[in-house]
Amino acid sequence: MSAPQKGLLIVLEGTDGSGKSTQFAKLCQRVQAEGIAFRRLVFPQYQEESSALLRMYLRGEFGKRPEDVNAYAASSFYAVDRYASWKKVWQQDYLAGGLMLADRYTTSNAVHQAVKCAPEEREAFLRWLDDFEHHKMGLPRPDLVLYLDMPTDRAVSLLRQRENDTHTQADIHELDAGYLAACRSCALQAAQLLNWQVVRCVDGEGRLRSIQSIHEEIWSLAEPLL
């Protein structure tokens, strides 16, 4: 019997309000149109039992502010949900050489939890996180991480518009503009440390780029791997 072949894992990451879900949908549609087989992954898995603790956290049951739950504890909630998905959903396909496209992944803890650490401690946290999820838990490393960089003021405006349009309530992350700004700073630090590809959502004059323009840049970075 031949040894299992490592698959390909491409992750789309971004702070809340960056347009990530829209871009992820377009990437999946493009890959499908090209006739390439893939598995679509979305984290967290809010409908699964494995997300129980993180849902409690986001509802504010452990504290009304993100920093009420430290970076290491909160990261473990999300990591367990991903581990359950790996073992139950996509491990077999990945080990058989399949393509996985993920909306968020281990990268999200780097974006949303590193911010809770003092600036001088963040690099150590990011290295701990990388070891915890990829070595200790055994989750595959992404082959490509595409980070959508949206200025915080634009992201907050888009979030409030989305809540009005969908009549939904923001979680404790989405309600805190200062937290979102700090997340963006941490994400850019993580991108440099962990070799993510940064896709800017505004042009050089601060104007929002079109959805299609951002998609084409994402495709230009992903397509060579496919």
Protein backbone atom coordinates (compact mmCIF):
# COMPACT_ATOMS: atom_id res chain seq x y z
CA MET A 1 0.00 0.00 0.00
CA SER A 2 1.37 3.45 -0.88
CA ALA A 3 1.88 6.03 1.83
CA PRO A 4 -0.81 8.73 2.25
CA GLN A 5 -0.24 11.80 0.10
CA LYS A 6 -0.45 15.21 1.73
CA GLY A 7 -3.29 17.32 0.41
CA LEU A 8 -3.44 21.04 -0.32
CA LEU A 9 -4.93 23.47 2.21
CA ILE A 10 -5.70 27.08 1.26
CA VAL A 11 -7.09 29.40 3.95
CA LEU A 12 -8.89 32.73 3.59
CA GLU A 13 -8.56 34.84 6.72
CA GLY A 14 -9.62 38.33 7.74
CA THR A 15 -10.93 40.43 10.58
CA ASP A 16 -14.69 40.78 11.04
CA GLY A 17 -16.15 43.04 8.37
CA SER A 18 -13.39 42.38 5.82
CA GLY A 19 -15.69 40.76 3.24
CA LYS A 20 -14.12 37.37 3.84
CA SER A 21 -17.31 35.32 3.43
CA THR A 22 -18.05 36.97 0.10
CA GLN A 23 -14.54 36.37 -1.18
CA PHE A 24 -14.51 32.80 0.07
CA ALA A 25 -17.73 32.09 -1.83
CA LYS A 26 -16.25 33.56 -5.00
CA LEU A 27 -13.06 31.52 -4.62
CA CYS A 28 -15.07 28.30 -4.21
CA GLN A 29 -17.18 29.16 -7.27
CA ARG A 30 -14.04 29.85 -9.32
CA VAL A 31 -12.39 26.57 -8.33
CA GLN A 32 -15.59 24.68 -9.11
CA ALA A 33 -15.89 26.41 -12.49
CA GLU A 34 -12.36 25.27 -13.28
CA GLY A 35 -13.48 21.68 -12.71
CA ILE A 36 -11.20 21.15 -9.71
CA ALA A 37 -12.48 18.86 -6.95
CA PHE A 38 -12.27 20.34 -3.44
CA ARG A 39 -13.79 20.25 0.02
CA ARG A 40 -15.21 23.44 1.52
CA LEU A 41 -14.45 24.06 5.20
CA VAL A 42 -15.91 26.84 7.35
CA PHE A 43 -14.78 27.58 10.90
CA PRO A 44 -16.06 27.80 13.55
CA GLN A 45 -18.60 24.97 13.16
CA TYR A 46 -21.40 26.76 14.99
CA GLN A 47 -23.92 23.98 14.34
CA GLU A 48 -21.69 21.27 15.84
CA GLU A 49 -21.35 20.18 19.46
CA SER A 50 -17.61 20.83 19.26
CA SER A 51 -18.29 24.59 19.23
CA ALA A 52 -20.22 24.69 22.51
CA LEU A 53 -17.53 26.45 24.55
CA LEU A 54 -16.70 29.01 21.90
CA ARG A 55 -20.39 29.83 21.43
CA MET A 56 -20.67 30.44 25.18
CA TYR A 57 -17.57 32.64 24.98
CA LEU A 58 -18.90 34.70 22.07
CA ARG A 59 -22.27 35.18 23.78
CA GLY A 60 -20.42 36.70 26.73
CA GLU A 61 -21.16 33.92 29.23
CA PHE A 62 -17.55 33.99 30.46
CA GLY A 63 -17.33 37.79 30.43
CA LYS A 64 -18.74 40.61 28.35
CA ARG A 65 -15.38 41.71 26.94
CA PRO A 66 -13.06 39.59 24.77
CA GLU A 67 -10.20 40.06 27.26
CA ASP A 68 -12.26 38.47 30.05
CA VAL A 69 -11.10 35.10 28.65
CA ASN A 70 -7.34 34.92 28.21
CA ALA A 71 -5.72 34.17 24.86
CA TYR A 72 -4.69 30.63 25.73
CA ALA A 73 -8.09 29.52 27.08
CA ALA A 74 -10.05 31.08 24.21
CA SER A 75 -7.65 29.61 21.65
CA SER A 76 -8.27 26.14 23.04
CA PHE A 77 -12.04 26.51 22.47
CA TYR A 78 -11.51 27.16 18.77
CA ALA A 79 -8.74 24.58 18.41
CA VAL A 80 -10.95 21.78 19.76
CA ASP A 81 -13.66 22.66 17.23
CA ARG A 82 -11.12 22.44 14.40
CA TYR A 83 -9.74 19.16 15.73
CA ALA A 84 -13.24 17.65 15.70
CA SER A 85 -13.68 18.74 12.09
CA TRP A 86 -10.30 17.29 11.11
CA LYS A 87 -11.05 13.90 12.66
CA LYS A 88 -14.67 13.63 11.54
CA VAL A 89 -14.87 15.47 8.23
CA TRP A 90 -11.75 16.02 6.15
CA GLN A 91 -8.74 14.03 7.40
CA GLN A 92 -9.27 11.15 4.99
CA ASP A 93 -9.69 13.37 1.92
CA TYR A 94 -6.68 15.49 2.84
CA LEU A 95 -4.42 12.49 3.39
CA ALA A 96 -5.53 11.15 0.01
CA GLY A 97 -4.19 14.31 -1.63
CA GLY A 98 -7.40 16.36 -1.78
CA LEU A 99 -7.79 20.13 -2.01
CA MET A 100 -9.26 21.88 1.04
CA LEU A 101 -10.51 25.49 0.94
CA ALA A 102 -11.07 26.94 4.42
CA ASP A 103 -12.94 30.04 5.57
CA ARG A 104 -10.86 30.72 8.70
CA TYR A 105 -8.61 28.12 10.32
CA THR A 106 -5.86 27.98 12.96
CA THR A 107 -4.98 31.44 11.65
CA SER A 108 -8.01 32.94 13.39
CA ASN A 109 -6.53 32.46 16.84
CA ALA A 110 -3.50 34.42 15.65
CA VAL A 111 -5.79 37.26 14.58
CA HIS A 112 -8.31 37.33 17.42
CA GLN A 113 -6.45 36.03 20.46
CA ALA A 114 -2.88 37.38 20.14
CA VAL A 115 -4.36 40.82 20.71
CA LYS A 116 -4.98 39.89 24.36
CA CYS A 117 -1.24 39.56 24.95
CA ALA A 118 1.06 42.48 25.67
CA PRO A 119 2.85 43.61 22.48
CA GLU A 120 6.17 42.22 23.66
CA GLU A 121 4.53 38.82 24.34
CA ARG A 122 2.70 38.39 21.04
CA GLU A 123 5.46 36.72 19.07
CA ALA A 124 5.87 34.13 21.83
CA PHE A 125 2.10 33.53 21.82
CA LEU A 126 2.05 33.09 18.03
CA ARG A 127 4.85 30.53 18.27
CA TRP A 128 3.03 28.72 21.12
CA LEU A 129 -0.15 28.69 19.03
CA ASP A 130 1.64 27.30 15.99
CA ASP A 131 3.12 24.50 18.11
CA PHE A 132 -0.16 23.80 19.96
CA GLU A 133 -2.41 23.41 16.93
CA HIS A 134 0.00 22.03 14.34
CA HIS A 135 2.37 19.93 16.46
CA LYS A 136 0.52 18.99 19.65
CA MET A 137 -2.93 18.59 18.05
CA GLY A 138 -1.63 17.48 14.66
CA LEU A 139 -3.70 19.81 12.47
CA PRO A 140 -2.22 20.28 8.98
CA ARG A 141 -0.39 23.50 8.23
CA PRO A 142 -1.93 25.66 5.50
CA ASP A 143 -0.07 25.75 2.19
CA LEU A 144 -1.35 29.27 1.55
CA VAL A 145 -2.99 31.83 3.85
CA LEU A 146 -4.65 34.81 2.18
CA TYR A 147 -5.30 37.61 4.68
CA LEU A 148 -7.86 40.27 3.70
CA ASP A 149 -6.67 43.54 5.21
CA MET A 150 -9.57 45.95 5.76
CA PRO A 151 -9.07 49.26 7.65
CA THR A 152 -10.98 49.07 10.92
CA ASP A 153 -13.24 52.07 10.36
CA ARG A 154 -14.45 50.57 7.09
CA ALA A 155 -14.89 47.15 8.71
CA VAL A 156 -17.00 48.59 11.56
CA SER A 157 -19.21 50.43 9.08
CA LEU A 158 -19.75 47.26 7.07
CA LEU A 159 -20.51 45.25 10.22
CA ARG A 160 -23.17 47.71 11.40
CA GLN A 161 -24.71 47.68 7.91
CA ARG A 162 -24.76 43.88 7.90
CA GLU A 163 -26.49 43.78 11.28
CA ASN A 164 -29.18 46.18 10.06
CA ASP A 165 -29.67 44.30 6.81
CA THR A 166 -29.85 40.84 8.39
CA HIS A 167 -31.43 41.80 11.75
CA THR A 168 -28.67 39.94 13.58
CA GLN A 169 -26.87 40.75 16.82
CA ALA A 170 -23.10 41.24 16.88
CA ASP A 171 -20.94 39.05 19.11
CA ILE A 172 -18.50 40.44 21.69
CA HIS A 173 -15.73 40.64 19.08
CA GLU A 174 -17.78 42.55 16.51
CA LEU A 175 -19.10 45.09 19.03
CA ASP A 176 -15.67 46.29 20.16
CA ALA A 177 -14.07 48.63 17.59
CA GLY A 178 -10.89 49.00 19.66
CA TYR A 179 -10.53 45.24 19.78
CA LEU A 180 -11.02 44.98 16.01
CA ALA A 181 -8.31 47.59 15.43
CA ALA A 182 -5.91 45.69 17.66
CA CYS A 183 -6.78 42.46 15.84
CA ARG A 184 -5.80 44.04 12.56
CA SER A 185 -2.44 45.04 13.99
CA CYS A 186 -1.86 41.51 15.31
CA ALA A 187 -2.93 39.99 12.02
CA LEU A 188 -0.36 42.01 10.10
CA GLN A 189 2.31 40.95 12.61
CA ALA A 190 1.27 37.31 12.21
CA ALA A 191 1.26 37.66 8.42
CA GLN A 192 4.88 38.77 8.49
CA LEU A 193 5.95 36.10 11.00
CA LEU A 194 4.04 33.21 9.42
CA ASN A 195 4.39 34.13 5.73
CA TRP A 196 0.76 34.92 4.94
CA GLN A 197 -0.15 36.73 1.72
CA VAL A 198 -1.78 40.10 2.49
CA VAL A 199 -4.56 41.24 0.13
CA ARG A 200 -5.40 44.90 0.65
CA CYS A 201 -9.12 45.77 0.53
CA VAL A 202 -8.54 49.47 -0.18
CA ASP A 203 -6.45 51.10 -2.89
CA GLY A 204 -3.55 53.50 -2.40
CA GLU A 205 -5.97 56.41 -1.95
CA GLY A 206 -8.04 54.65 0.70
CA ARG A 207 -10.97 53.76 -1.54
CA LEU A 208 -12.61 50.38 -1.22
CA ARG A 209 -11.57 48.04 -4.01
CA SER A 210 -14.29 46.26 -5.94
CA ILE A 211 -15.24 42.74 -4.94
CA GLN A 212 -14.10 41.49 -8.34
CA SER A 213 -10.73 43.24 -8.12
CA ILE A 214 -10.01 41.62 -4.76
CA HIS A 215 -11.16 38.26 -6.08
CA GLU A 216 -8.83 38.45 -9.07
CA GLU A 217 -5.87 39.11 -6.78
CA ILE A 218 -6.86 36.17 -4.58
CA TRP A 219 -7.13 33.95 -7.64
CA SER A 220 -3.73 35.06 -8.94
CA LEU A 221 -2.18 33.90 -5.65
CA ALA A 222 -4.13 30.63 -5.33
CA GLU A 223 -4.19 29.42 -8.92
CA PRO A 224 -0.47 28.49 -9.20
CA LEU A 225 -0.94 25.93 -6.41
CA LEU A 226 -3.95 24.23 -7.98
